[in-house]
Amino acid sequence: MTTGYRMIARTHGGPEVIEREDFDVPSPGPSEVLIETEAVGLNFIDTYYRKGLYADPLPIKLGSESVGRIVALGDGVSEFSIGERVGTTHAGGAYASHRLIKAAQAMRIPEAIAPEIAAAVMLKGLTACYLAEDTFPADKGHVALVHSAAGGVGSLLVPWLLDRGVTVIAHTGSAEKAAQVPGDHVLHCPFAELPEAVRDITRGEMCHVVYDGVGAESWTASLASLRKRGFMVTYGNASGPVPPIAPLELMKAGSIYLTRPTLADYVATPEQLAISAKKLFDRIGKGILKPHIGQTFRLEEAAEAHRALESRATTGSTILVP
């Protein structure tokens, strides 16, 4: 029997709670495939599970997105073959040398796309897809504010929106990060100064939509950057969760629409997943999206990777490799 390993957290806490655990690699059950991992994508949601912000039984099998070659098929799996490269963004167990995946949650990775690139963009790219095309179908004539524009999701969302003809106001945390972002309106001012900067760029019209993955620190600035009946999309908590909000605050801000979406609801079926994955990989193939892997860590260095991510010392995507 083959022995594998995975990185887990037996208790909630900081990066120091992450440890290695060896295990006997199981055989796939019905409708499952077993992959040998080639690359793992690091995402902020991984830190939410580690800290206990999102509920998950202990010990936590960390990670959501990984890419690998199929090494065994379970009964009833006919849509995939041994040796094919597949990936998944399903939560739980990605930080591992081997992983069982439900066939319905697996997406086929084009051979032209390296496993590191696929692992770096699946979750973030599918998130950018639903944000730009489904949550708020942004199009020519719309003005969008994108926070963390040099980060994992932001670095894909900005060019996706620009390709759709959207006027994008991109905000980053530093001048160095701002220099990495395409577009005519790239800012790195403090959040307190952001609404006024948006007002200057839009000549007082403000934004149709704000895509906010920062959370607590940016919440007030995001609301103040929207026009009346604007659309507030809060999709992440990088600085902590948004504080409780009374509906009257949305009224006072200009009859604002508010949503807190999650990827799982936009790729809930194999058909939805396949459509979104095709949009993502087609844009990579056409050069519209140019994924940037800013950092690579060994899988056993997952704690160091978490520290770098939470300290905002990363740019682009971060991957782990066995």
C-alpha atoms as a PDB file:
ATOM      1  CA  MET A   1       0.000   0.000   0.000  1.00  0.00           C
ATOM      2  CA  THR A   2       1.266   3.456  -0.922  1.00  0.00           C
ATOM      3  CA  THR A   3       1.988   5.912   1.883  1.00  0.00           C
ATOM      4  CA  GLY A   4       1.139   9.570   1.379  1.00  0.00           C
ATOM      5  CA  TYR A   5       1.132  12.666   3.549  1.00  0.00           C
ATOM      6  CA  ARG A   6      -1.052  15.701   4.159  1.00  0.00           C
ATOM      7  CA  MET A   7      -0.892  18.931   6.115  1.00  0.00           C
ATOM      8  CA  ILE A   8      -3.569  19.259   8.793  1.00  0.00           C
ATOM      9  CA  ALA A   9      -4.558  21.375  11.797  1.00  0.00           C
ATOM     10  CA  ARG A  10      -5.565  19.490  14.950  1.00  0.00           C
ATOM     11  CA  THR A  11      -6.690  22.693  16.649  1.00  0.00           C
ATOM     12  CA  HIS A  12      -7.651  26.199  15.565  1.00  0.00           C
ATOM     13  CA  GLY A  13      -5.023  28.906  15.710  1.00  0.00           C
ATOM     14  CA  GLY A  14      -2.165  30.552  13.861  1.00  0.00           C
ATOM     15  CA  PRO A  15       0.029  29.017  11.161  1.00  0.00           C
ATOM     16  CA  GLU A  16       1.992  27.161  13.847  1.00  0.00           C
ATOM     17  CA  VAL A  17      -0.885  24.667  14.279  1.00  0.00           C
ATOM     18  CA  ILE A  18      -0.262  23.214  10.806  1.00  0.00           C
ATOM     19  CA  GLU A  19       1.499  19.844  10.928  1.00  0.00           C
ATOM     20  CA  ARG A  20       2.282  16.869   8.716  1.00  0.00           C
ATOM     21  CA  GLU A  21       0.356  13.610   8.922  1.00  0.00           C
ATOM     22  CA  ASP A  22       1.242  10.430   7.030  1.00  0.00           C
ATOM     23  CA  PHE A  23      -1.549   8.157   5.787  1.00  0.00           C
ATOM     24  CA  ASP A  24      -2.175   5.060   3.718  1.00  0.00           C
ATOM     25  CA  VAL A  25      -3.426   6.144   0.300  1.00  0.00           C
ATOM     26  CA  PRO A  26      -6.983   4.780  -0.095  1.00  0.00           C
ATOM     27  CA  SER A  27      -8.643   3.315  -3.156  1.00  0.00           C
ATOM     28  CA  PRO A  28     -11.380   5.438  -4.726  1.00  0.00           C
ATOM     29  CA  GLY A  29     -14.974   4.600  -3.891  1.00  0.00           C
ATOM     30  CA  PRO A  30     -17.903   4.660  -6.314  1.00  0.00           C
ATOM     31  CA  SER A  31     -17.975   7.832  -8.454  1.00  0.00           C
ATOM     32  CA  GLU A  32     -14.557   8.938  -7.146  1.00  0.00           C
ATOM     33  CA  VAL A  33     -11.116   9.352  -8.701  1.00  0.00           C
ATOM     34  CA  LEU A  34      -7.747   9.250  -6.945  1.00  0.00           C
ATOM     35  CA  ILE A  35      -5.159  11.799  -8.025  1.00  0.00           C
ATOM     36  CA  GLU A  36      -1.467  12.088  -7.341  1.00  0.00           C
ATOM     37  CA  THR A  37      -1.009  15.765  -6.591  1.00  0.00           C
ATOM     38  CA  GLU A  38       1.160  17.944  -8.827  1.00  0.00           C
ATOM     39  CA  ALA A  39       0.310  21.386  -7.413  1.00  0.00           C
ATOM     40  CA  VAL A  40      -1.902  22.990  -4.759  1.00  0.00           C
ATOM     41  CA  GLY A  41      -3.353  26.490  -4.779  1.00  0.00           C
ATOM     42  CA  LEU A  42      -3.092  28.597  -1.615  1.00  0.00           C
ATOM     43  CA  ASN A  43      -6.151  30.716  -0.831  1.00  0.00           C
ATOM     44  CA  PHE A  44      -7.294  33.007   1.946  1.00  0.00           C
ATOM     45  CA  ILE A  45     -10.212  30.710   2.662  1.00  0.00           C
ATOM     46  CA  ASP A  46      -7.645  28.165   3.871  1.00  0.00           C
ATOM     47  CA  THR A  47      -6.745  30.522   6.716  1.00  0.00           C
ATOM     48  CA  TYR A  48     -10.426  30.952   7.632  1.00  0.00           C
ATOM     49  CA  TYR A  49     -10.759  27.201   8.213  1.00  0.00           C
ATOM     50  CA  ARG A  50      -7.458  27.071  10.113  1.00  0.00           C
ATOM     51  CA  LYS A  51      -8.546  29.871  12.445  1.00  0.00           C
ATOM     52  CA  GLY A  52     -12.082  28.512  12.907  1.00  0.00           C
ATOM     53  CA  LEU A  53     -13.805  31.429  11.174  1.00  0.00           C
ATOM     54  CA  TYR A  54     -15.438  28.827   8.934  1.00  0.00           C
ATOM     55  CA  ALA A  55     -16.657  25.673  10.660  1.00  0.00           C
ATOM     56  CA  ASP A  56     -14.950  22.365   9.872  1.00  0.00           C
ATOM     57  CA  PRO A  57     -14.511  19.293  12.089  1.00  0.00           C
ATOM     58  CA  LEU A  58     -11.114  18.850  13.713  1.00  0.00           C
ATOM     59  CA  PRO A  59      -8.584  17.761  12.652  1.00  0.00           C
ATOM     60  CA  ILE A  60      -8.915  20.034   9.611  1.00  0.00           C
ATOM     61  CA  LYS A  61      -7.703  18.620   6.312  1.00  0.00           C
ATOM     62  CA  LEU A  62      -6.528  21.880   4.808  1.00  0.00           C
ATOM     63  CA  GLY A  63      -6.909  23.229   1.303  1.00  0.00           C
ATOM     64  CA  SER A  64      -9.489  23.359  -1.437  1.00  0.00           C
ATOM     65  CA  GLU A  65      -7.858  23.461  -4.877  1.00  0.00           C
ATOM     66  CA  SER A  66      -5.395  20.973  -6.249  1.00  0.00           C
ATOM     67  CA  VAL A  67      -4.343  19.514  -9.582  1.00  0.00           C
ATOM     68  CA  GLY A  68      -2.968  16.081 -10.348  1.00  0.00           C
ATOM     69  CA  ARG A  69      -2.957  13.034 -12.567  1.00  0.00           C
ATOM     70  CA  ILE A  70      -5.619  10.369 -12.081  1.00  0.00           C
ATOM     71  CA  VAL A  71      -4.022   7.174 -10.781  1.00  0.00           C
ATOM     72  CA  ALA A  72      -7.178   5.161 -10.003  1.00  0.00           C
ATOM     73  CA  LEU A  73     -10.888   5.224 -10.893  1.00  0.00           C
ATOM     74  CA  GLY A  74     -13.810   4.234  -8.712  1.00  0.00           C
ATOM     75  CA  ASP A  75     -16.762   2.194  -9.894  1.00  0.00           C
ATOM     76  CA  GLY A  76     -19.114   4.060 -12.180  1.00  0.00           C
ATOM     77  CA  VAL A  77     -16.584   6.628 -13.404  1.00  0.00           C
ATOM     78  CA  SER A  78     -16.633   6.715 -17.196  1.00  0.00           C
ATOM     79  CA  GLU A  79     -16.039  10.400 -17.986  1.00  0.00           C
ATOM     80  CA  PHE A  80     -12.355  10.304 -16.985  1.00  0.00           C
ATOM     81  CA  SER A  81      -9.406   8.015 -17.687  1.00  0.00           C
ATOM     82  CA  ILE A  82      -6.282   7.054 -15.756  1.00  0.00           C
ATOM     83  CA  GLY A  83      -3.477   9.473 -16.615  1.00  0.00           C
ATOM     84  CA  GLU A  84      -5.717  12.476 -17.281  1.00  0.00           C
ATOM     85  CA  ARG A  85      -4.973  15.707 -15.466  1.00  0.00           C
ATOM     86  CA  VAL A  86      -7.869  17.047 -13.419  1.00  0.00           C
ATOM     87  CA  GLY A  87      -8.410  19.625 -10.741  1.00  0.00           C
ATOM     88  CA  THR A  88     -10.978  20.540  -8.139  1.00  0.00           C
ATOM     89  CA  THR A  89     -11.809  23.468  -5.896  1.00  0.00           C
ATOM     90  CA  HIS A  90     -13.852  21.423  -3.441  1.00  0.00           C
ATOM     91  CA  ALA A  91     -13.019  22.217   0.177  1.00  0.00           C
ATOM     92  CA  GLY A  92     -11.001  19.810   2.282  1.00  0.00           C
ATOM     93  CA  GLY A  93      -7.860  17.768   1.759  1.00  0.00           C
ATOM     94  CA  ALA A  94      -5.968  19.616  -0.983  1.00  0.00           C
ATOM     95  CA  TYR A  95      -2.744  19.893   1.050  1.00  0.00           C
ATOM     96  CA  ALA A  96      -1.873  16.267   0.349  1.00  0.00           C
ATOM     97  CA  SER A  97       0.328  14.110  -1.840  1.00  0.00           C
ATOM     98  CA  HIS A  98      -2.745  12.100  -2.928  1.00  0.00           C
ATOM     99  CA  ARG A  99      -6.406  13.021  -2.892  1.00  0.00           C
ATOM    100  CA  LEU A 100      -9.797  11.466  -3.517  1.00  0.00           C
ATOM    101  CA  ILE A 101     -12.100  13.608  -5.647  1.00  0.00           C
ATOM    102  CA  LYS A 102     -15.727  13.088  -6.573  1.00  0.00           C
ATOM    103  CA  ALA A 103     -15.873  12.833 -10.349  1.00  0.00           C
ATOM    104  CA  ALA A 104     -18.753  15.330 -10.411  1.00  0.00           C
ATOM    105  CA  GLN A 105     -16.507  17.932  -8.737  1.00  0.00           C
ATOM    106  CA  ALA A 106     -13.508  17.419 -11.021  1.00  0.00           C
ATOM    107  CA  MET A 107     -12.681  19.581 -13.996  1.00  0.00           C
ATOM    108  CA  ARG A 108     -10.502  18.475 -16.888  1.00  0.00           C
ATOM    109  CA  ILE A 109      -7.338  20.564 -17.228  1.00  0.00           C
ATOM    110  CA  PRO A 110      -6.163  21.233 -20.814  1.00  0.00           C
ATOM    111  CA  GLU A 111      -2.750  19.694 -21.460  1.00  0.00           C
ATOM    112  CA  ALA A 112      -1.513  23.053 -22.754  1.00  0.00           C
ATOM    113  CA  ILE A 113      -1.893  24.515 -19.260  1.00  0.00           C
ATOM    114  CA  ALA A 114       0.786  23.609 -16.705  1.00  0.00           C
ATOM    115  CA  PRO A 115      -0.468  22.106 -13.432  1.00  0.00           C
ATOM    116  CA  GLU A 116       1.103  24.964 -11.469  1.00  0.00           C
ATOM    117  CA  ILE A 117      -0.842  27.515 -13.518  1.00  0.00           C
ATOM    118  CA  ALA A 118      -4.087  25.568 -13.166  1.00  0.00           C
ATOM    119  CA  ALA A 119      -3.641  25.208  -9.405  1.00  0.00           C
ATOM    120  CA  ALA A 120      -2.855  28.909  -9.142  1.00  0.00           C
ATOM    121  CA  VAL A 121      -6.012  30.041 -10.930  1.00  0.00           C
ATOM    122  CA  MET A 122      -8.841  27.527 -10.540  1.00  0.00           C
ATOM    123  CA  LEU A 123     -10.476  28.879  -7.403  1.00  0.00           C
ATOM    124  CA  LYS A 124      -9.480  32.488  -8.000  1.00  0.00           C
ATOM    125  CA  GLY A 125     -10.301  32.324 -11.713  1.00  0.00           C
ATOM    126  CA  LEU A 126     -13.694  30.699 -11.215  1.00  0.00           C
ATOM    127  CA  THR A 127     -14.360  33.334  -8.554  1.00  0.00           C
ATOM    128  CA  ALA A 128     -13.422  36.098 -10.989  1.00  0.00           C
ATOM    129  CA  CYS A 129     -15.728  34.470 -13.533  1.00  0.00           C
ATOM    130  CA  TYR A 130     -18.831  34.462 -11.364  1.00  0.00           C
ATOM    131  CA  LEU A 131     -18.108  37.925  -9.967  1.00  0.00           C
ATOM    132  CA  ALA A 132     -17.717  39.518 -13.406  1.00  0.00           C
ATOM    133  CA  GLU A 133     -20.337  37.586 -15.329  1.00  0.00           C
ATOM    134  CA  ASP A 134     -22.980  36.345 -12.909  1.00  0.00           C
ATOM    135  CA  THR A 135     -23.132  38.157  -9.559  1.00  0.00           C
ATOM    136  CA  PHE A 136     -23.057  41.517 -11.334  1.00  0.00           C
ATOM    137  CA  PRO A 137     -22.881  41.099 -15.125  1.00  0.00           C
ATOM    138  CA  ALA A 138     -20.513  44.016 -15.653  1.00  0.00           C
ATOM    139  CA  ASP A 139     -20.317  45.383 -19.178  1.00  0.00           C
ATOM    140  CA  LYS A 140     -19.319  48.395 -21.238  1.00  0.00           C
ATOM    141  CA  GLY A 141     -20.554  51.569 -19.568  1.00  0.00           C
ATOM    142  CA  HIS A 142     -20.229  50.236 -16.035  1.00  0.00           C
ATOM    143  CA  VAL A 143     -17.676  51.517 -13.526  1.00  0.00           C
ATOM    144  CA  ALA A 144     -16.278  48.941 -11.095  1.00  0.00           C
ATOM    145  CA  LEU A 145     -14.036  49.318  -8.050  1.00  0.00           C
ATOM    146  CA  VAL A 146     -11.827  46.301  -7.394  1.00  0.00           C
ATOM    147  CA  HIS A 147     -10.003  45.993  -4.078  1.00  0.00           C
ATOM    148  CA  SER A 148      -6.753  44.023  -3.703  1.00  0.00           C
ATOM    149  CA  ALA A 149      -6.271  44.392  -7.436  1.00  0.00           C
ATOM    150  CA  ALA A 150      -2.781  42.849  -7.352  1.00  0.00           C
ATOM    151  CA  GLY A 151      -3.882  39.844  -5.314  1.00  0.00           C
ATOM    152  CA  GLY A 152      -4.978  36.398  -6.397  1.00  0.00           C
ATOM    153  CA  VAL A 153      -8.586  37.156  -7.376  1.00  0.00           C
ATOM    154  CA  GLY A 154      -8.005  40.815  -8.182  1.00  0.00           C
ATOM    155  CA  SER A 155      -5.189  40.148 -10.632  1.00  0.00           C
ATOM    156  CA  LEU A 156      -7.620  38.015 -12.664  1.00  0.00           C
ATOM    157  CA  LEU A 157     -10.785  40.029 -12.097  1.00  0.00           C
ATOM    158  CA  VAL A 158      -9.308  43.319 -13.348  1.00  0.00           C
ATOM    159  CA  PRO A 159      -8.298  42.061 -16.835  1.00  0.00           C
ATOM    160  CA  TRP A 160     -11.517  40.028 -17.064  1.00  0.00           C
ATOM    161  CA  LEU A 161     -13.545  43.209 -16.499  1.00  0.00           C
ATOM    162  CA  LEU A 162     -11.356  45.269 -18.829  1.00  0.00           C
ATOM    163  CA  ASP A 163     -11.922  42.660 -21.563  1.00  0.00           C
ATOM    164  CA  ARG A 164     -15.661  43.171 -21.112  1.00  0.00           C
ATOM    165  CA  GLY A 165     -15.283  46.922 -21.644  1.00  0.00           C
ATOM    166  CA  VAL A 166     -15.775  47.902 -18.004  1.00  0.00           C
ATOM    167  CA  THR A 167     -14.102  51.030 -16.604  1.00  0.00           C
ATOM    168  CA  VAL A 168     -12.091  49.621 -13.706  1.00  0.00           C
ATOM    169  CA  ILE A 169     -10.825  51.542 -10.698  1.00  0.00           C
ATOM    170  CA  ALA A 170      -8.235  49.215  -9.163  1.00  0.00           C
ATOM    171  CA  HIS A 171      -7.077  49.674  -5.575  1.00  0.00           C
ATOM    172  CA  THR A 172      -3.970  48.120  -4.028  1.00  0.00           C
ATOM    173  CA  GLY A 173      -2.095  48.372  -0.755  1.00  0.00           C
ATOM    174  CA  SER A 174       1.129  49.877  -2.083  1.00  0.00           C
ATOM    175  CA  ALA A 175       2.772  51.640  -5.008  1.00  0.00           C
ATOM    176  CA  GLU A 176       4.760  48.489  -5.763  1.00  0.00           C
ATOM    177  CA  LYS A 177       1.593  46.432  -6.106  1.00  0.00           C
ATOM    178  CA  ALA A 178      -0.133  49.187  -8.082  1.00  0.00           C
ATOM    179  CA  ALA A 179       2.647  49.025 -10.687  1.00  0.00           C
ATOM    180  CA  GLN A 180       1.666  45.411 -11.432  1.00  0.00           C
ATOM    181  CA  VAL A 181      -1.973  46.189 -12.264  1.00  0.00           C
ATOM    182  CA  PRO A 182      -3.196  47.031 -15.792  1.00  0.00           C
ATOM    183  CA  GLY A 183      -5.616  49.837 -16.527  1.00  0.00           C
ATOM    184  CA  ASP A 184      -5.865  53.617 -16.455  1.00  0.00           C
ATOM    185  CA  HIS A 185      -7.105  54.027 -12.883  1.00  0.00           C
ATOM    186  CA  VAL A 186      -4.889  52.255 -10.371  1.00  0.00           C
ATOM    187  CA  LEU A 187      -4.833  53.631  -6.824  1.00  0.00           C
ATOM    188  CA  HIS A 188      -2.910  52.835  -3.637  1.00  0.00           C
ATOM    189  CA  CYS A 189      -4.239  55.529  -1.317  1.00  0.00           C
ATOM    190  CA  PRO A 190      -5.480  54.824   2.235  1.00  0.00           C
ATOM    191  CA  PHE A 191      -9.069  53.582   2.463  1.00  0.00           C
ATOM    192  CA  ALA A 192     -10.120  56.847   4.084  1.00  0.00           C
ATOM    193  CA  GLU A 193      -9.092  58.741   0.945  1.00  0.00           C
ATOM    194  CA  LEU A 194     -10.493  56.243  -1.549  1.00  0.00           C
ATOM    195  CA  PRO A 195     -14.074  57.563  -1.953  1.00  0.00           C
ATOM    196  CA  GLU A 196     -12.815  61.030  -2.827  1.00  0.00           C
ATOM    197  CA  ALA A 197     -10.366  59.585  -5.354  1.00  0.00           C
ATOM    198  CA  VAL A 198     -13.229  57.605  -6.908  1.00  0.00           C
ATOM    199  CA  ARG A 199     -15.318  60.794  -6.996  1.00  0.00           C
ATOM    200  CA  ASP A 200     -12.555  62.585  -8.907  1.00  0.00           C
ATOM    201  CA  ILE A 201     -12.139  59.774 -11.454  1.00  0.00           C
ATOM    202  CA  THR A 202     -15.890  59.398 -12.063  1.00  0.00           C
ATOM    203  CA  ARG A 203     -16.634  63.145 -11.934  1.00  0.00           C
ATOM    204  CA  GLY A 204     -18.967  62.563  -9.057  1.00  0.00           C
ATOM    205  CA  GLU A 205     -20.891  59.662 -10.603  1.00  0.00           C
ATOM    206  CA  MET A 206     -19.242  56.980  -8.403  1.00  0.00           C
ATOM    207  CA  CYS A 207     -19.282  53.214  -9.090  1.00  0.00           C
ATOM    208  CA  HIS A 208     -21.958  50.857 -10.305  1.00  0.00           C
ATOM    209  CA  VAL A 209     -20.342  47.958  -8.432  1.00  0.00           C
ATOM    210  CA  VAL A 210     -17.652  47.352  -5.825  1.00  0.00           C
ATOM    211  CA  TYR A 211     -15.897  43.977  -5.628  1.00  0.00           C
ATOM    212  CA  ASP A 212     -14.570  43.773  -2.070  1.00  0.00           C
ATOM    213  CA  GLY A 213     -12.516  40.836  -0.812  1.00  0.00           C
ATOM    214  CA  VAL A 214     -10.858  42.805   1.997  1.00  0.00           C
ATOM    215  CA  GLY A 215     -13.758  42.954   4.430  1.00  0.00           C
ATOM    216  CA  ALA A 216     -13.683  44.925   7.672  1.00  0.00           C
ATOM    217  CA  GLU A 217     -11.044  47.519   6.776  1.00  0.00           C
ATOM    218  CA  SER A 218     -12.528  48.488   3.428  1.00  0.00           C
ATOM    219  CA  TRP A 219     -16.252  48.261   4.199  1.00  0.00           C
ATOM    220  CA  THR A 220     -16.883  51.957   4.897  1.00  0.00           C
ATOM    221  CA  ALA A 221     -14.846  53.110   1.901  1.00  0.00           C
ATOM    222  CA  SER A 222     -16.619  50.637  -0.365  1.00  0.00           C
ATOM    223  CA  LEU A 223     -20.085  51.854   0.584  1.00  0.00           C
ATOM    224  CA  ALA A 224     -18.995  55.469   0.134  1.00  0.00           C
ATOM    225  CA  SER A 225     -17.658  54.698  -3.370  1.00  0.00           C
ATOM    226  CA  LEU A 226     -21.000  53.496  -4.738  1.00  0.00           C
ATOM    227  CA  ARG A 227     -23.580  55.526  -6.621  1.00  0.00           C
ATOM    228  CA  LYS A 228     -27.238  55.393  -5.655  1.00  0.00           C
ATOM    229  CA  ARG A 229     -28.640  51.889  -6.185  1.00  0.00           C
ATOM    230  CA  GLY A 230     -25.093  50.611  -6.618  1.00  0.00           C
ATOM    231  CA  PHE A 231     -24.160  46.972  -6.109  1.00  0.00           C
ATOM    232  CA  MET A 232     -21.949  45.940  -3.185  1.00  0.00           C
ATOM    233  CA  VAL A 233     -20.275  42.549  -3.615  1.00  0.00           C
ATOM    234  CA  THR A 234     -18.434  41.500  -0.450  1.00  0.00           C
ATOM    235  CA  TYR A 235     -16.815  38.175  -1.268  1.00  0.00           C
ATOM    236  CA  GLY A 236     -13.909  37.866   1.193  1.00  0.00           C
ATOM    237  CA  ASN A 237     -12.639  38.683   4.670  1.00  0.00           C
ATOM    238  CA  ALA A 238      -8.895  39.276   4.253  1.00  0.00           C
ATOM    239  CA  SER A 239      -8.896  41.897   7.040  1.00  0.00           C
ATOM    240  CA  GLY A 240     -11.615  40.201   9.078  1.00  0.00           C
ATOM    241  CA  PRO A 241     -15.362  39.817   8.600  1.00  0.00           C
ATOM    242  CA  VAL A 242     -17.555  42.793   7.830  1.00  0.00           C
ATOM    243  CA  PRO A 243     -19.234  44.045  11.043  1.00  0.00           C
ATOM    244  CA  PRO A 244     -22.966  43.479  11.496  1.00  0.00           C
ATOM    245  CA  ILE A 245     -24.927  45.878   9.350  1.00  0.00           C
ATOM    246  CA  ALA A 246     -28.461  47.186   9.714  1.00  0.00           C
ATOM    247  CA  PRO A 247     -30.540  47.372   6.521  1.00  0.00           C
ATOM    248  CA  LEU A 248     -31.063  51.074   7.196  1.00  0.00           C
ATOM    249  CA  GLU A 249     -27.360  51.647   6.517  1.00  0.00           C
ATOM    250  CA  LEU A 250     -27.879  50.422   2.948  1.00  0.00           C
ATOM    251  CA  MET A 251     -30.770  52.844   2.577  1.00  0.00           C
ATOM    252  CA  LYS A 252     -28.700  55.760   3.881  1.00  0.00           C
ATOM    253  CA  ALA A 253     -25.864  54.862   1.494  1.00  0.00           C
ATOM    254  CA  GLY A 254     -28.211  55.239  -1.468  1.00  0.00           C
ATOM    255  CA  SER A 255     -30.535  52.210  -1.618  1.00  0.00           C
ATOM    256  CA  ILE A 256     -27.520  49.926  -2.061  1.00  0.00           C
ATOM    257  CA  TYR A 257     -27.842  46.298  -3.118  1.00  0.00           C
ATOM    258  CA  LEU A 258     -25.713  43.922  -1.038  1.00  0.00           C
ATOM    259  CA  THR A 259     -24.660  40.334  -1.665  1.00  0.00           C
ATOM    260  CA  ARG A 260     -22.219  37.949  -0.020  1.00  0.00           C
ATOM    261  CA  PRO A 261     -21.698  35.261  -2.708  1.00  0.00           C
ATOM    262  CA  THR A 262     -19.701  32.046  -2.630  1.00  0.00           C
ATOM    263  CA  LEU A 263     -18.307  30.012  -5.522  1.00  0.00           C
ATOM    264  CA  ALA A 264     -20.087  26.776  -4.616  1.00  0.00           C
ATOM    265  CA  ASP A 265     -23.468  28.272  -5.474  1.00  0.00           C
ATOM    266  CA  TYR A 266     -22.269  29.242  -8.975  1.00  0.00           C
ATOM    267  CA  VAL A 267     -20.736  25.861  -9.895  1.00  0.00           C
ATOM    268  CA  ALA A 268     -23.271  23.671  -8.128  1.00  0.00           C
ATOM    269  CA  THR A 269     -23.612  21.189 -11.008  1.00  0.00           C
ATOM    270  CA  PRO A 270     -21.051  19.486 -13.263  1.00  0.00           C
ATOM    271  CA  GLU A 271     -22.523  21.418 -16.195  1.00  0.00           C
ATOM    272  CA  GLN A 272     -22.117  24.805 -14.475  1.00  0.00           C
ATOM    273  CA  LEU A 273     -18.583  23.880 -13.442  1.00  0.00           C
ATOM    274  CA  ALA A 274     -17.634  22.851 -16.988  1.00  0.00           C
ATOM    275  CA  ILE A 275     -19.017  26.094 -18.482  1.00  0.00           C
ATOM    276  CA  SER A 276     -17.159  28.295 -16.003  1.00  0.00           C
ATOM    277  CA  ALA A 277     -13.937  26.300 -16.353  1.00  0.00           C
ATOM    278  CA  LYS A 278     -14.086  26.643 -20.134  1.00  0.00           C
ATOM    279  CA  LYS A 279     -14.502  30.428 -19.846  1.00  0.00           C
ATOM    280  CA  LEU A 280     -11.496  30.553 -17.531  1.00  0.00           C
ATOM    281  CA  PHE A 281      -9.134  28.358 -19.535  1.00  0.00           C
ATOM    282  CA  ASP A 282     -10.185  29.976 -22.833  1.00  0.00           C
ATOM    283  CA  ARG A 283      -9.202  33.391 -21.458  1.00  0.00           C
ATOM    284  CA  ILE A 284      -5.872  32.036 -20.312  1.00  0.00           C
ATOM    285  CA  GLY A 285      -5.300  30.480 -23.726  1.00  0.00           C
ATOM    286  CA  LYS A 286      -6.084  33.787 -25.463  1.00  0.00           C
ATOM    287  CA  GLY A 287      -3.733  35.710 -23.203  1.00  0.00           C
ATOM    288  CA  ILE A 288      -6.519  37.812 -21.667  1.00  0.00           C
ATOM    289  CA  LEU A 289      -5.590  36.403 -18.287  1.00  0.00           C
ATOM    290  CA  LYS A 290      -1.896  36.083 -17.540  1.00  0.00           C
ATOM    291  CA  PRO A 291      -1.657  34.265 -14.222  1.00  0.00           C
ATOM    292  CA  HIS A 292       1.249  35.377 -12.088  1.00  0.00           C
ATOM    293  CA  ILE A 293       2.693  32.925  -9.595  1.00  0.00           C
ATOM    294  CA  GLY A 294       4.427  35.168  -7.141  1.00  0.00           C
ATOM    295  CA  GLN A 295       5.549  32.533  -4.650  1.00  0.00           C
ATOM    296  CA  THR A 296       6.094  28.776  -4.522  1.00  0.00           C
ATOM    297  CA  PHE A 297       6.442  26.802  -1.293  1.00  0.00           C
ATOM    298  CA  ARG A 298       6.972  23.133  -0.617  1.00  0.00           C
ATOM    299  CA  LEU A 299       3.814  21.503   0.692  1.00  0.00           C
ATOM    300  CA  GLU A 300       5.531  20.861   4.027  1.00  0.00           C
ATOM    301  CA  GLU A 301       6.161  24.633   4.269  1.00  0.00           C
ATOM    302  CA  ALA A 302       2.425  25.360   4.397  1.00  0.00           C
ATOM    303  CA  ALA A 303       2.747  27.249   7.695  1.00  0.00           C
ATOM    304  CA  GLU A 304       5.285  29.652   6.176  1.00  0.00           C
ATOM    305  CA  ALA A 305       3.014  30.127   3.181  1.00  0.00           C
ATOM    306  CA  HIS A 306       0.104  31.029   5.472  1.00  0.00           C
ATOM    307  CA  ARG A 307       2.264  33.572   7.322  1.00  0.00           C
ATOM    308  CA  ALA A 308       3.255  35.230   4.051  1.00  0.00           C
ATOM    309  CA  LEU A 309      -0.337  35.349   2.822  1.00  0.00           C
ATOM    310  CA  GLU A 310      -1.775  36.820   6.020  1.00  0.00           C
ATOM    311  CA  SER A 311       0.949  39.454   6.286  1.00  0.00           C
ATOM    312  CA  ARG A 312       0.124  40.595   2.719  1.00  0.00           C
ATOM    313  CA  ALA A 313       3.688  39.825   1.696  1.00  0.00           C
ATOM    314  CA  THR A 314       2.468  37.981  -1.414  1.00  0.00           C
ATOM    315  CA  THR A 315       1.611  39.148  -4.913  1.00  0.00           C
ATOM    316  CA  GLY A 316      -0.355  37.246  -7.495  1.00  0.00           C
ATOM    317  CA  SER A 317      -0.927  33.593  -6.681  1.00  0.00           C
ATOM    318  CA  THR A 318       0.884  31.304  -4.285  1.00  0.00           C
ATOM    319  CA  ILE A 319       1.207  27.569  -4.855  1.00  0.00           C
ATOM    320  CA  LEU A 320       2.404  24.582  -2.854  1.00  0.00           C
ATOM    321  CA  VAL A 321       4.165  21.639  -4.518  1.00  0.00           C
ATOM    322  CA  PRO A 322       4.738  18.170  -2.998  1.00  0.00           C
END
